[in-house]
């Protein structure tokens, strides 16, 4: 039986130091029915020469070269337009895929027609050393629950079905484009994260993850828009000040802007969201309480308190705090 073609999209920009190791990790996959779409986005180092050499070596590589830098979202959408595979995988130009990554993910999608996107755990490379394992919510129920506070997938680990509606990254969601993409993708089916490390992720100061953290004001607006879409899917519409408070609680860089006097109101927002979700999807409501609790734990760590620790004891008395603590302990045990 013929194996389905998988298109692997690899955006490249000034990646000469690691790009060969990255692309070879795809070239050497145990699953060989691949088209490797390598798109150089106006690199000014030796990236193009390396890509040209690799393309001459392996006919599965489709090389696209930009004369100027058009940025990540444009490049990703170009890759989606070029992809001919039944499935599309993402890969960054400085990461390393485990040899069986593609095979394992194809098996999941081939055997589960309801799953539209599959990711995995990953291990971080920092200062040329393998560091800790990053885990993600595994099953669809937990993935949908985790969406309320953050992206439930690690972008360079994912594979998804080609041909789905709205299969593009939004230009106006730059540096949160993956989070927005998952929200729309999961409107068409289920998600799943394979509970195995299938990728080594290189954490660099120039990575999109790090750069995105520096663009806080713009990302706040984008995240608020994403949260509005997620909540509306459950029939929830928050007042503007509640929406801002909720979004601020989801990212550590914004938590310090939540005043201690606002904690009681934030808890009311959480309670309202939980109760409204319980009306339409009780299983999600049961899980989301623990994830919202994780945000309260983050507040204890990153928040600013008055000398009287106003707000601190409000958190400690909340049932969300205890559910968050249990959720955190269970995650640590899985590590």
C-alpha atoms as a PDB file:
ATOM      1  CA  UNK A   1       0.000   0.000   0.000  1.00  0.00           C
ATOM      2  CA  UNK A   2       1.338   3.427  -0.941  1.00  0.00           C
ATOM      3  CA  UNK A   3       2.198   5.616   2.004  1.00  0.00           C
ATOM      4  CA  UNK A   4       0.704   9.124   2.066  1.00  0.00           C
ATOM      5  CA  UNK A   5       2.979  11.987   1.118  1.00  0.00           C
ATOM      6  CA  UNK A   6       3.971  14.306   3.968  1.00  0.00           C
ATOM      7  CA  UNK A   7       4.987  17.898   3.237  1.00  0.00           C
ATOM      8  CA  UNK A   8       7.498  19.271   5.748  1.00  0.00           C
ATOM      9  CA  UNK A   9       7.639  23.079   5.813  1.00  0.00           C
ATOM     10  CA  UNK A  10      10.967  24.510   7.023  1.00  0.00           C
ATOM     11  CA  UNK A  11      11.302  28.325   7.039  1.00  0.00           C
ATOM     12  CA  UNK A  12      14.949  29.424   7.106  1.00  0.00           C
ATOM     13  CA  UNK A  13      16.457  32.797   7.953  1.00  0.00           C
ATOM     14  CA  UNK A  14      20.153  33.323   8.723  1.00  0.00           C
ATOM     15  CA  UNK A  15      20.320  29.750   9.990  1.00  0.00           C
ATOM     16  CA  UNK A  16      23.704  28.654   8.608  1.00  0.00           C
ATOM     17  CA  UNK A  17      24.904  27.381  11.978  1.00  0.00           C
ATOM     18  CA  UNK A  18      22.205  24.736  12.426  1.00  0.00           C
ATOM     19  CA  UNK A  19      20.190  24.387   9.213  1.00  0.00           C
ATOM     20  CA  UNK A  20      22.080  21.405   7.813  1.00  0.00           C
ATOM     21  CA  UNK A  21      21.672  19.379  10.985  1.00  0.00           C
ATOM     22  CA  UNK A  22      17.995  20.309  11.081  1.00  0.00           C
ATOM     23  CA  UNK A  23      17.192  19.378   7.485  1.00  0.00           C
ATOM     24  CA  UNK A  24      19.267  16.206   7.624  1.00  0.00           C
ATOM     25  CA  UNK A  25      17.186  15.100  10.595  1.00  0.00           C
ATOM     26  CA  UNK A  26      14.211  15.168   8.199  1.00  0.00           C
ATOM     27  CA  UNK A  27      16.113  13.669   5.268  1.00  0.00           C
ATOM     28  CA  UNK A  28      17.071  10.730   7.497  1.00  0.00           C
ATOM     29  CA  UNK A  29      13.579   9.986   8.790  1.00  0.00           C
ATOM     30  CA  UNK A  30      12.490   6.346   8.829  1.00  0.00           C
ATOM     31  CA  UNK A  31       9.411   7.556   6.925  1.00  0.00           C
ATOM     32  CA  UNK A  32      10.609   8.426   3.417  1.00  0.00           C
ATOM     33  CA  UNK A  33       7.486   9.589   1.523  1.00  0.00           C
ATOM     34  CA  UNK A  34       8.328  13.249   2.016  1.00  0.00           C
ATOM     35  CA  UNK A  35       8.530  16.553   0.229  1.00  0.00           C
ATOM     36  CA  UNK A  36      10.769  18.914   2.148  1.00  0.00           C
ATOM     37  CA  UNK A  37       9.773  22.518   1.456  1.00  0.00           C
ATOM     38  CA  UNK A  38      12.752  24.640   2.525  1.00  0.00           C
ATOM     39  CA  UNK A  39      12.048  28.369   2.178  1.00  0.00           C
ATOM     40  CA  UNK A  40      14.907  30.807   2.637  1.00  0.00           C
ATOM     41  CA  UNK A  41      13.480  34.145   3.709  1.00  0.00           C
ATOM     42  CA  UNK A  42      16.179  36.532   2.502  1.00  0.00           C
ATOM     43  CA  UNK A  43      19.132  35.213   4.512  1.00  0.00           C
ATOM     44  CA  UNK A  44      22.336  37.255   4.357  1.00  0.00           C
ATOM     45  CA  UNK A  45      24.627  34.528   5.672  1.00  0.00           C
ATOM     46  CA  UNK A  46      25.527  31.167   4.107  1.00  0.00           C
ATOM     47  CA  UNK A  47      22.103  29.547   4.545  1.00  0.00           C
ATOM     48  CA  UNK A  48      21.236  29.544   0.823  1.00  0.00           C
ATOM     49  CA  UNK A  49      24.465  27.817  -0.179  1.00  0.00           C
ATOM     50  CA  UNK A  50      23.818  25.067   2.354  1.00  0.00           C
ATOM     51  CA  UNK A  51      20.235  24.642   1.163  1.00  0.00           C
ATOM     52  CA  UNK A  52      21.323  24.467  -2.478  1.00  0.00           C
ATOM     53  CA  UNK A  53      23.871  21.782  -1.651  1.00  0.00           C
ATOM     54  CA  UNK A  54      21.308  19.725   0.249  1.00  0.00           C
ATOM     55  CA  UNK A  55      18.730  20.130  -2.538  1.00  0.00           C
ATOM     56  CA  UNK A  56      21.264  18.814  -5.064  1.00  0.00           C
ATOM     57  CA  UNK A  57      21.792  15.816  -2.809  1.00  0.00           C
ATOM     58  CA  UNK A  58      18.115  14.968  -2.165  1.00  0.00           C
ATOM     59  CA  UNK A  59      15.427  15.400  -4.824  1.00  0.00           C
ATOM     60  CA  UNK A  60      12.706  15.483  -2.164  1.00  0.00           C
ATOM     61  CA  UNK A  61      13.811  19.002  -1.223  1.00  0.00           C
ATOM     62  CA  UNK A  62      11.848  21.831  -2.868  1.00  0.00           C
ATOM     63  CA  UNK A  63      13.870  24.993  -2.409  1.00  0.00           C
ATOM     64  CA  UNK A  64      12.322  28.469  -2.465  1.00  0.00           C
ATOM     65  CA  UNK A  65      14.558  31.539  -2.136  1.00  0.00           C
ATOM     66  CA  UNK A  66      13.278  35.025  -1.292  1.00  0.00           C
ATOM     67  CA  UNK A  67      15.222  38.079  -2.443  1.00  0.00           C
ATOM     68  CA  UNK A  68      14.162  39.907   0.710  1.00  0.00           C
ATOM     69  CA  UNK A  69      12.904  39.049   4.166  1.00  0.00           C
ATOM     70  CA  UNK A  70       9.120  38.629   4.105  1.00  0.00           C
ATOM     71  CA  UNK A  71       8.819  37.378   7.705  1.00  0.00           C
ATOM     72  CA  UNK A  72       7.574  34.163   9.157  1.00  0.00           C
ATOM     73  CA  UNK A  73       3.816  34.327   8.566  1.00  0.00           C
ATOM     74  CA  UNK A  74       4.217  35.029   4.838  1.00  0.00           C
ATOM     75  CA  UNK A  75       6.736  32.193   4.567  1.00  0.00           C
ATOM     76  CA  UNK A  76       4.502  29.723   6.402  1.00  0.00           C
ATOM     77  CA  UNK A  77       1.523  30.548   4.193  1.00  0.00           C
ATOM     78  CA  UNK A  78       3.683  30.152   1.100  1.00  0.00           C
ATOM     79  CA  UNK A  79       4.668  26.713   2.353  1.00  0.00           C
ATOM     80  CA  UNK A  80       1.019  25.791   2.905  1.00  0.00           C
ATOM     81  CA  UNK A  81       0.174  26.861  -0.653  1.00  0.00           C
ATOM     82  CA  UNK A  82       3.002  24.738  -2.059  1.00  0.00           C
ATOM     83  CA  UNK A  83       2.303  21.641   0.036  1.00  0.00           C
ATOM     84  CA  UNK A  84       1.082  18.635  -1.970  1.00  0.00           C
ATOM     85  CA  UNK A  85       1.073  16.092   0.848  1.00  0.00           C
ATOM     86  CA  UNK A  86      -1.911  14.567   2.581  1.00  0.00           C
ATOM     87  CA  UNK A  87      -0.327  15.762   5.800  1.00  0.00           C
ATOM     88  CA  UNK A  88       1.741  18.848   6.582  1.00  0.00           C
ATOM     89  CA  UNK A  89       4.481  18.890   9.219  1.00  0.00           C
ATOM     90  CA  UNK A  90       6.281  21.904  10.663  1.00  0.00           C
ATOM     91  CA  UNK A  91       9.956  22.116  11.431  1.00  0.00           C
ATOM     92  CA  UNK A  92      12.279  24.965  12.355  1.00  0.00           C
ATOM     93  CA  UNK A  93      15.698  25.473  10.787  1.00  0.00           C
ATOM     94  CA  UNK A  94      17.547  25.042  14.080  1.00  0.00           C
ATOM     95  CA  UNK A  95      15.719  22.079  15.646  1.00  0.00           C
ATOM     96  CA  UNK A  96      16.344  18.333  15.418  1.00  0.00           C
ATOM     97  CA  UNK A  97      13.619  15.783  14.668  1.00  0.00           C
ATOM     98  CA  UNK A  98      13.923  12.314  16.146  1.00  0.00           C
ATOM     99  CA  UNK A  99      14.359   9.667  13.388  1.00  0.00           C
ATOM    100  CA  UNK A 100      10.843   8.235  13.788  1.00  0.00           C
ATOM    101  CA  UNK A 101       8.995  11.510  14.319  1.00  0.00           C
ATOM    102  CA  UNK A 102       7.171  11.564  10.967  1.00  0.00           C
ATOM    103  CA  UNK A 103       6.330   7.848  11.051  1.00  0.00           C
ATOM    104  CA  UNK A 104       4.797   8.065  14.521  1.00  0.00           C
ATOM    105  CA  UNK A 105       2.681  11.102  13.656  1.00  0.00           C
ATOM    106  CA  UNK A 106       1.470   9.642  10.352  1.00  0.00           C
ATOM    107  CA  UNK A 107       0.355   6.509  12.199  1.00  0.00           C
ATOM    108  CA  UNK A 108      -1.750   8.617  14.574  1.00  0.00           C
ATOM    109  CA  UNK A 109      -3.475  10.510  11.754  1.00  0.00           C
ATOM    110  CA  UNK A 110      -3.987   7.421   9.593  1.00  0.00           C
ATOM    111  CA  UNK A 111      -5.568   5.479  12.453  1.00  0.00           C
ATOM    112  CA  UNK A 112      -7.717   8.316  13.862  1.00  0.00           C
ATOM    113  CA  UNK A 113      -9.802  10.121  11.250  1.00  0.00           C
ATOM    114  CA  UNK A 114     -11.237  12.565  13.816  1.00  0.00           C
ATOM    115  CA  UNK A 115      -7.803  13.927  14.739  1.00  0.00           C
ATOM    116  CA  UNK A 116      -6.819  16.912  12.580  1.00  0.00           C
ATOM    117  CA  UNK A 117      -3.606  17.969  14.327  1.00  0.00           C
ATOM    118  CA  UNK A 118      -0.997  16.046  16.284  1.00  0.00           C
ATOM    119  CA  UNK A 119       2.025  17.296  18.216  1.00  0.00           C
ATOM    120  CA  UNK A 120       4.415  15.829  20.749  1.00  0.00           C
ATOM    121  CA  UNK A 121       6.587  16.551  23.746  1.00  0.00           C
ATOM    122  CA  UNK A 122      10.029  18.020  23.113  1.00  0.00           C
ATOM    123  CA  UNK A 123      13.367  18.438  24.845  1.00  0.00           C
ATOM    124  CA  UNK A 124      15.100  21.821  24.929  1.00  0.00           C
ATOM    125  CA  UNK A 125      18.626  22.535  23.712  1.00  0.00           C
ATOM    126  CA  UNK A 126      20.134  25.551  25.467  1.00  0.00           C
ATOM    127  CA  UNK A 127      23.802  26.581  25.391  1.00  0.00           C
ATOM    128  CA  UNK A 128      24.429  23.430  23.320  1.00  0.00           C
ATOM    129  CA  UNK A 129      23.206  21.224  26.164  1.00  0.00           C
ATOM    130  CA  UNK A 130      20.055  19.109  26.353  1.00  0.00           C
ATOM    131  CA  UNK A 131      17.902  20.534  29.128  1.00  0.00           C
ATOM    132  CA  UNK A 132      14.477  19.684  30.467  1.00  0.00           C
ATOM    133  CA  UNK A 133      11.546  18.046  28.752  1.00  0.00           C
ATOM    134  CA  UNK A 134       8.608  20.256  27.805  1.00  0.00           C
ATOM    135  CA  UNK A 135       5.268  18.486  28.056  1.00  0.00           C
ATOM    136  CA  UNK A 136       1.902  19.431  26.585  1.00  0.00           C
ATOM    137  CA  UNK A 137      -1.701  18.357  27.278  1.00  0.00           C
ATOM    138  CA  UNK A 138      -2.207  14.978  25.629  1.00  0.00           C
ATOM    139  CA  UNK A 139      -5.851  14.241  24.844  1.00  0.00           C
ATOM    140  CA  UNK A 140      -8.391  16.398  23.024  1.00  0.00           C
ATOM    141  CA  UNK A 141     -10.328  17.316  26.161  1.00  0.00           C
ATOM    142  CA  UNK A 142      -7.249  18.685  27.914  1.00  0.00           C
ATOM    143  CA  UNK A 143      -6.021  20.377  24.746  1.00  0.00           C
ATOM    144  CA  UNK A 144      -9.321  22.264  24.418  1.00  0.00           C
ATOM    145  CA  UNK A 145      -9.224  23.166  28.101  1.00  0.00           C
ATOM    146  CA  UNK A 146      -5.620  24.384  27.903  1.00  0.00           C
ATOM    147  CA  UNK A 147      -6.529  26.633  24.958  1.00  0.00           C
ATOM    148  CA  UNK A 148      -8.132  28.972  27.490  1.00  0.00           C
ATOM    149  CA  UNK A 149      -4.753  29.936  28.932  1.00  0.00           C
ATOM    150  CA  UNK A 150      -2.105  29.187  26.277  1.00  0.00           C
ATOM    151  CA  UNK A 151      -1.159  27.346  23.110  1.00  0.00           C
ATOM    152  CA  UNK A 152      -1.582  23.576  23.684  1.00  0.00           C
ATOM    153  CA  UNK A 153       0.934  22.564  20.994  1.00  0.00           C
ATOM    154  CA  UNK A 154       4.626  23.171  20.405  1.00  0.00           C
ATOM    155  CA  UNK A 155       4.648  24.603  16.899  1.00  0.00           C
ATOM    156  CA  UNK A 156       7.722  22.828  15.452  1.00  0.00           C
ATOM    157  CA  UNK A 157       6.393  19.439  16.604  1.00  0.00           C
ATOM    158  CA  UNK A 158       3.055  19.478  14.824  1.00  0.00           C
ATOM    159  CA  UNK A 159       1.564  17.681  11.843  1.00  0.00           C
ATOM    160  CA  UNK A 160      -1.928  18.353  10.509  1.00  0.00           C
ATOM    161  CA  UNK A 161      -4.242  17.361   7.694  1.00  0.00           C
ATOM    162  CA  UNK A 162      -3.983  19.269   4.427  1.00  0.00           C
ATOM    163  CA  UNK A 163      -7.117  20.657   2.767  1.00  0.00           C
ATOM    164  CA  UNK A 164      -8.941  21.879   5.877  1.00  0.00           C
ATOM    165  CA  UNK A 165     -10.895  25.170   5.754  1.00  0.00           C
ATOM    166  CA  UNK A 166      -9.092  28.279   7.038  1.00  0.00           C
ATOM    167  CA  UNK A 167      -5.726  26.606   6.526  1.00  0.00           C
ATOM    168  CA  UNK A 168      -3.566  29.708   6.787  1.00  0.00           C
ATOM    169  CA  UNK A 169      -1.736  31.792   9.363  1.00  0.00           C
ATOM    170  CA  UNK A 170      -3.133  35.266  10.045  1.00  0.00           C
ATOM    171  CA  UNK A 171      -0.752  38.114   9.254  1.00  0.00           C
ATOM    172  CA  UNK A 172      -2.355  40.247  11.970  1.00  0.00           C
ATOM    173  CA  UNK A 173      -1.658  37.524  14.563  1.00  0.00           C
ATOM    174  CA  UNK A 174       2.112  37.801  14.085  1.00  0.00           C
ATOM    175  CA  UNK A 175       4.056  36.131  16.940  1.00  0.00           C
ATOM    176  CA  UNK A 176       0.847  34.530  18.170  1.00  0.00           C
ATOM    177  CA  UNK A 177       0.031  33.047  14.756  1.00  0.00           C
ATOM    178  CA  UNK A 178       0.393  29.471  15.971  1.00  0.00           C
ATOM    179  CA  UNK A 179      -2.004  29.943  18.913  1.00  0.00           C
ATOM    180  CA  UNK A 180      -4.603  31.483  16.596  1.00  0.00           C
ATOM    181  CA  UNK A 181      -4.027  28.691  14.053  1.00  0.00           C
ATOM    182  CA  UNK A 182      -4.764  25.949  16.609  1.00  0.00           C
ATOM    183  CA  UNK A 183      -7.991  27.635  17.701  1.00  0.00           C
ATOM    184  CA  UNK A 184      -9.283  27.651  14.126  1.00  0.00           C
ATOM    185  CA  UNK A 185      -7.902  24.197  13.280  1.00  0.00           C
ATOM    186  CA  UNK A 186      -9.600  22.602  16.282  1.00  0.00           C
ATOM    187  CA  UNK A 187     -12.958  23.859  15.048  1.00  0.00           C
ATOM    188  CA  UNK A 188     -12.704  21.086  12.415  1.00  0.00           C
ATOM    189  CA  UNK A 189     -11.686  18.105  14.534  1.00  0.00           C
ATOM    190  CA  UNK A 190      -9.717  16.777  17.456  1.00  0.00           C
ATOM    191  CA  UNK A 191      -6.174  17.381  18.616  1.00  0.00           C
ATOM    192  CA  UNK A 192      -3.646  15.048  20.207  1.00  0.00           C
ATOM    193  CA  UNK A 193      -0.134  15.314  21.626  1.00  0.00           C
ATOM    194  CA  UNK A 194       1.980  12.162  21.520  1.00  0.00           C
ATOM    195  CA  UNK A 195       3.440  11.742  25.039  1.00  0.00           C
ATOM    196  CA  UNK A 196       6.954  11.189  23.726  1.00  0.00           C
ATOM    197  CA  UNK A 197       9.856  13.468  22.857  1.00  0.00           C
ATOM    198  CA  UNK A 198       9.934  13.614  19.047  1.00  0.00           C
ATOM    199  CA  UNK A 199      11.897  16.865  18.698  1.00  0.00           C
ATOM    200  CA  UNK A 200      14.857  18.653  20.233  1.00  0.00           C
ATOM    201  CA  UNK A 201      14.009  22.356  20.311  1.00  0.00           C
ATOM    202  CA  UNK A 202      16.843  24.868  20.249  1.00  0.00           C
ATOM    203  CA  UNK A 203      16.067  27.848  22.464  1.00  0.00           C
ATOM    204  CA  UNK A 204      17.970  30.877  21.140  1.00  0.00           C
ATOM    205  CA  UNK A 205      17.798  34.585  21.919  1.00  0.00           C
ATOM    206  CA  UNK A 206      16.807  35.128  18.263  1.00  0.00           C
ATOM    207  CA  UNK A 207      14.051  32.493  18.221  1.00  0.00           C
ATOM    208  CA  UNK A 208      10.495  33.590  17.415  1.00  0.00           C
ATOM    209  CA  UNK A 209       9.466  32.533  20.925  1.00  0.00           C
ATOM    210  CA  UNK A 210      11.972  34.909  22.520  1.00  0.00           C
ATOM    211  CA  UNK A 211      11.312  37.742  20.083  1.00  0.00           C
ATOM    212  CA  UNK A 212       7.573  37.419  20.607  1.00  0.00           C
ATOM    213  CA  UNK A 213       8.006  37.881  24.352  1.00  0.00           C
ATOM    214  CA  UNK A 214       9.594  41.278  23.660  1.00  0.00           C
ATOM    215  CA  UNK A 215       6.594  42.548  21.678  1.00  0.00           C
ATOM    216  CA  UNK A 216       4.249  42.518  24.658  1.00  0.00           C
ATOM    217  CA  UNK A 217       1.843  45.355  23.799  1.00  0.00           C
ATOM    218  CA  UNK A 218       1.006  44.042  20.343  1.00  0.00           C
ATOM    219  CA  UNK A 219       0.718  40.481  21.574  1.00  0.00           C
ATOM    220  CA  UNK A 220      -1.702  41.549  24.308  1.00  0.00           C
ATOM    221  CA  UNK A 221      -4.188  42.751  21.693  1.00  0.00           C
ATOM    222  CA  UNK A 222      -3.738  39.585  19.633  1.00  0.00           C
ATOM    223  CA  UNK A 223      -4.147  37.300  22.646  1.00  0.00           C
ATOM    224  CA  UNK A 224      -7.274  39.166  23.719  1.00  0.00           C
ATOM    225  CA  UNK A 225      -8.724  38.639  20.246  1.00  0.00           C
ATOM    226  CA  UNK A 226      -7.879  34.925  20.377  1.00  0.00           C
ATOM    227  CA  UNK A 227      -9.459  34.575  23.822  1.00  0.00           C
ATOM    228  CA  UNK A 228     -12.592  36.312  22.567  1.00  0.00           C
ATOM    229  CA  UNK A 229     -12.918  33.700  19.807  1.00  0.00           C
ATOM    230  CA  UNK A 230     -12.332  30.806  22.209  1.00  0.00           C
ATOM    231  CA  UNK A 231     -14.881  32.102  24.707  1.00  0.00           C
ATOM    232  CA  UNK A 232     -17.468  32.860  22.019  1.00  0.00           C
ATOM    233  CA  UNK A 233     -17.295  29.207  20.999  1.00  0.00           C
ATOM    234  CA  UNK A 234     -18.885  28.453  24.381  1.00  0.00           C
ATOM    235  CA  UNK A 235     -21.370  31.320  24.137  1.00  0.00           C
ATOM    236  CA  UNK A 236     -19.366  33.548  26.497  1.00  0.00           C
ATOM    237  CA  UNK A 237     -18.914  37.290  26.018  1.00  0.00           C
ATOM    238  CA  UNK A 238     -16.959  39.170  28.689  1.00  0.00           C
ATOM    239  CA  UNK A 239     -17.194  42.891  29.468  1.00  0.00           C
ATOM    240  CA  UNK A 240     -14.173  44.759  28.130  1.00  0.00           C
ATOM    241  CA  UNK A 241     -12.466  45.237  31.509  1.00  0.00           C
ATOM    242  CA  UNK A 242     -12.990  41.564  32.366  1.00  0.00           C
ATOM    243  CA  UNK A 243     -11.560  40.550  29.010  1.00  0.00           C
ATOM    244  CA  UNK A 244      -8.418  42.613  29.617  1.00  0.00           C
ATOM    245  CA  UNK A 245      -8.019  41.257  33.140  1.00  0.00           C
ATOM    246  CA  UNK A 246      -8.443  37.674  31.968  1.00  0.00           C
ATOM    247  CA  UNK A 247      -5.926  38.053  29.125  1.00  0.00           C
ATOM    248  CA  UNK A 248      -3.418  39.756  31.440  1.00  0.00           C
ATOM    249  CA  UNK A 249      -3.576  36.747  33.757  1.00  0.00           C
ATOM    250  CA  UNK A 250      -2.550  34.296  31.023  1.00  0.00           C
ATOM    251  CA  UNK A 251       1.047  35.449  30.351  1.00  0.00           C
ATOM    252  CA  UNK A 252       3.718  36.008  33.003  1.00  0.00           C
ATOM    253  CA  UNK A 253       4.970  39.254  31.412  1.00  0.00           C
ATOM    254  CA  UNK A 254       1.544  40.829  31.907  1.00  0.00           C
ATOM    255  CA  UNK A 255       0.802  39.475  35.385  1.00  0.00           C
ATOM    256  CA  UNK A 256       2.688  42.314  37.160  1.00  0.00           C
ATOM    257  CA  UNK A 257       0.171  44.752  35.659  1.00  0.00           C
ATOM    258  CA  UNK A 258      -2.650  43.098  37.607  1.00  0.00           C
ATOM    259  CA  UNK A 259      -3.074  45.144  40.777  1.00  0.00           C
ATOM    260  CA  UNK A 260      -3.541  43.361  44.086  1.00  0.00           C
ATOM    261  CA  UNK A 261      -6.950  44.989  44.450  1.00  0.00           C
ATOM    262  CA  UNK A 262      -8.042  43.331  41.180  1.00  0.00           C
ATOM    263  CA  UNK A 263      -7.569  39.754  42.398  1.00  0.00           C
ATOM    264  CA  UNK A 264     -11.099  39.428  43.775  1.00  0.00           C
ATOM    265  CA  UNK A 265     -12.467  40.550  40.430  1.00  0.00           C
ATOM    266  CA  UNK A 266     -10.174  38.164  38.524  1.00  0.00           C
ATOM    267  CA  UNK A 267     -11.514  35.302  40.645  1.00  0.00           C
ATOM    268  CA  UNK A 268     -15.053  36.369  39.720  1.00  0.00           C
ATOM    269  CA  UNK A 269     -14.060  36.281  36.043  1.00  0.00           C
ATOM    270  CA  UNK A 270     -12.691  32.752  36.447  1.00  0.00           C
ATOM    271  CA  UNK A 271     -15.826  31.625  38.284  1.00  0.00           C
ATOM    272  CA  UNK A 272     -18.076  33.112  35.606  1.00  0.00           C
ATOM    273  CA  UNK A 273     -16.145  31.418  32.796  1.00  0.00           C
ATOM    274  CA  UNK A 274     -16.181  28.073  34.616  1.00  0.00           C
ATOM    275  CA  UNK A 275     -19.924  28.225  35.308  1.00  0.00           C
ATOM    276  CA  UNK A 276     -20.804  29.228  31.737  1.00  0.00           C
ATOM    277  CA  UNK A 277     -18.682  26.427  30.270  1.00  0.00           C
ATOM    278  CA  UNK A 278     -20.268  23.954  32.677  1.00  0.00           C
ATOM    279  CA  UNK A 279     -23.628  24.651  31.014  1.00  0.00           C
ATOM    280  CA  UNK A 280     -22.440  23.471  27.581  1.00  0.00           C
ATOM    281  CA  UNK A 281     -19.418  21.232  28.236  1.00  0.00           C
ATOM    282  CA  UNK A 282     -19.088  19.967  31.831  1.00  0.00           C
ATOM    283  CA  UNK A 283     -15.939  17.856  31.177  1.00  0.00           C
ATOM    284  CA  UNK A 284     -14.034  20.918  29.915  1.00  0.00           C
ATOM    285  CA  UNK A 285     -15.262  22.940  32.897  1.00  0.00           C
ATOM    286  CA  UNK A 286     -13.888  20.292  35.242  1.00  0.00           C
ATOM    287  CA  UNK A 287     -10.415  20.482  33.724  1.00  0.00           C
ATOM    288  CA  UNK A 288     -10.230  24.205  33.088  1.00  0.00           C
ATOM    289  CA  UNK A 289     -10.417  24.978  36.798  1.00  0.00           C
ATOM    290  CA  UNK A 290      -6.996  23.409  37.287  1.00  0.00           C
ATOM    291  CA  UNK A 291      -5.523  25.322  34.351  1.00  0.00           C
ATOM    292  CA  UNK A 292      -6.942  28.629  35.585  1.00  0.00           C
ATOM    293  CA  UNK A 293      -5.452  27.717  38.941  1.00  0.00           C
ATOM    294  CA  UNK A 294      -2.035  27.523  37.290  1.00  0.00           C
ATOM    295  CA  UNK A 295      -2.416  31.187  36.371  1.00  0.00           C
ATOM    296  CA  UNK A 296      -3.031  32.039  40.030  1.00  0.00           C
ATOM    297  CA  UNK A 297       0.149  30.190  40.965  1.00  0.00           C
ATOM    298  CA  UNK A 298       1.928  32.290  38.361  1.00  0.00           C
ATOM    299  CA  UNK A 299       0.465  35.400  39.980  1.00  0.00           C
ATOM    300  CA  UNK A 300       1.969  34.397  43.328  1.00  0.00           C
ATOM    301  CA  UNK A 301       5.349  34.160  41.627  1.00  0.00           C
ATOM    302  CA  UNK A 302       5.300  37.158  39.284  1.00  0.00           C
ATOM    303  CA  UNK A 303       2.702  39.505  40.789  1.00  0.00           C
ATOM    304  CA  UNK A 304       3.393  42.717  42.647  1.00  0.00           C
ATOM    305  CA  UNK A 305       2.083  42.895  46.178  1.00  0.00           C
ATOM    306  CA  UNK A 306       1.606  45.740  48.639  1.00  0.00           C
ATOM    307  CA  UNK A 307       3.333  45.691  52.026  1.00  0.00           C
ATOM    308  CA  UNK A 308       0.163  44.179  53.445  1.00  0.00           C
ATOM    309  CA  UNK A 309       0.247  41.509  50.740  1.00  0.00           C
ATOM    310  CA  UNK A 310      -3.186  42.569  49.583  1.00  0.00           C
ATOM    311  CA  UNK A 311      -4.464  39.978  47.111  1.00  0.00           C
ATOM    312  CA  UNK A 312      -1.959  37.324  48.218  1.00  0.00           C
ATOM    313  CA  UNK A 313      -4.285  35.794  50.770  1.00  0.00           C
ATOM    314  CA  UNK A 314      -7.208  36.091  48.363  1.00  0.00           C
ATOM    315  CA  UNK A 315      -5.329  33.713  46.089  1.00  0.00           C
ATOM    316  CA  UNK A 316      -4.461  31.300  48.896  1.00  0.00           C
ATOM    317  CA  UNK A 317      -8.115  31.084  49.992  1.00  0.00           C
ATOM    318  CA  UNK A 318      -9.356  30.371  46.472  1.00  0.00           C
ATOM    319  CA  UNK A 319     -10.325  26.866  45.362  1.00  0.00           C
ATOM    320  CA  UNK A 320      -8.551  27.677  42.079  1.00  0.00           C
ATOM    321  CA  UNK A 321      -5.258  27.876  43.959  1.00  0.00           C
ATOM    322  CA  UNK A 322      -5.621  24.330  45.263  1.00  0.00           C
ATOM    323  CA  UNK A 323      -6.758  22.923  41.932  1.00  0.00           C
ATOM    324  CA  UNK A 324      -3.824  24.657  40.285  1.00  0.00           C
ATOM    325  CA  UNK A 325      -1.407  23.191  42.834  1.00  0.00           C
ATOM    326  CA  UNK A 326      -2.756  19.683  42.206  1.00  0.00           C
ATOM    327  CA  UNK A 327      -2.502  20.200  38.434  1.00  0.00           C
ATOM    328  CA  UNK A 328       1.103  21.377  38.792  1.00  0.00           C
ATOM    329  CA  UNK A 329       2.051  18.397  40.968  1.00  0.00           C
ATOM    330  CA  UNK A 330       0.525  15.954  38.487  1.00  0.00           C
ATOM    331  CA  UNK A 331       2.451  17.592  35.637  1.00  0.00           C
ATOM    332  CA  UNK A 332       5.714  17.318  37.577  1.00  0.00           C
ATOM    333  CA  UNK A 333       5.072  13.643  38.300  1.00  0.00           C
ATOM    334  CA  UNK A 334       4.636  12.986  34.557  1.00  0.00           C
ATOM    335  CA  UNK A 335       8.078  14.487  33.904  1.00  0.00           C
END
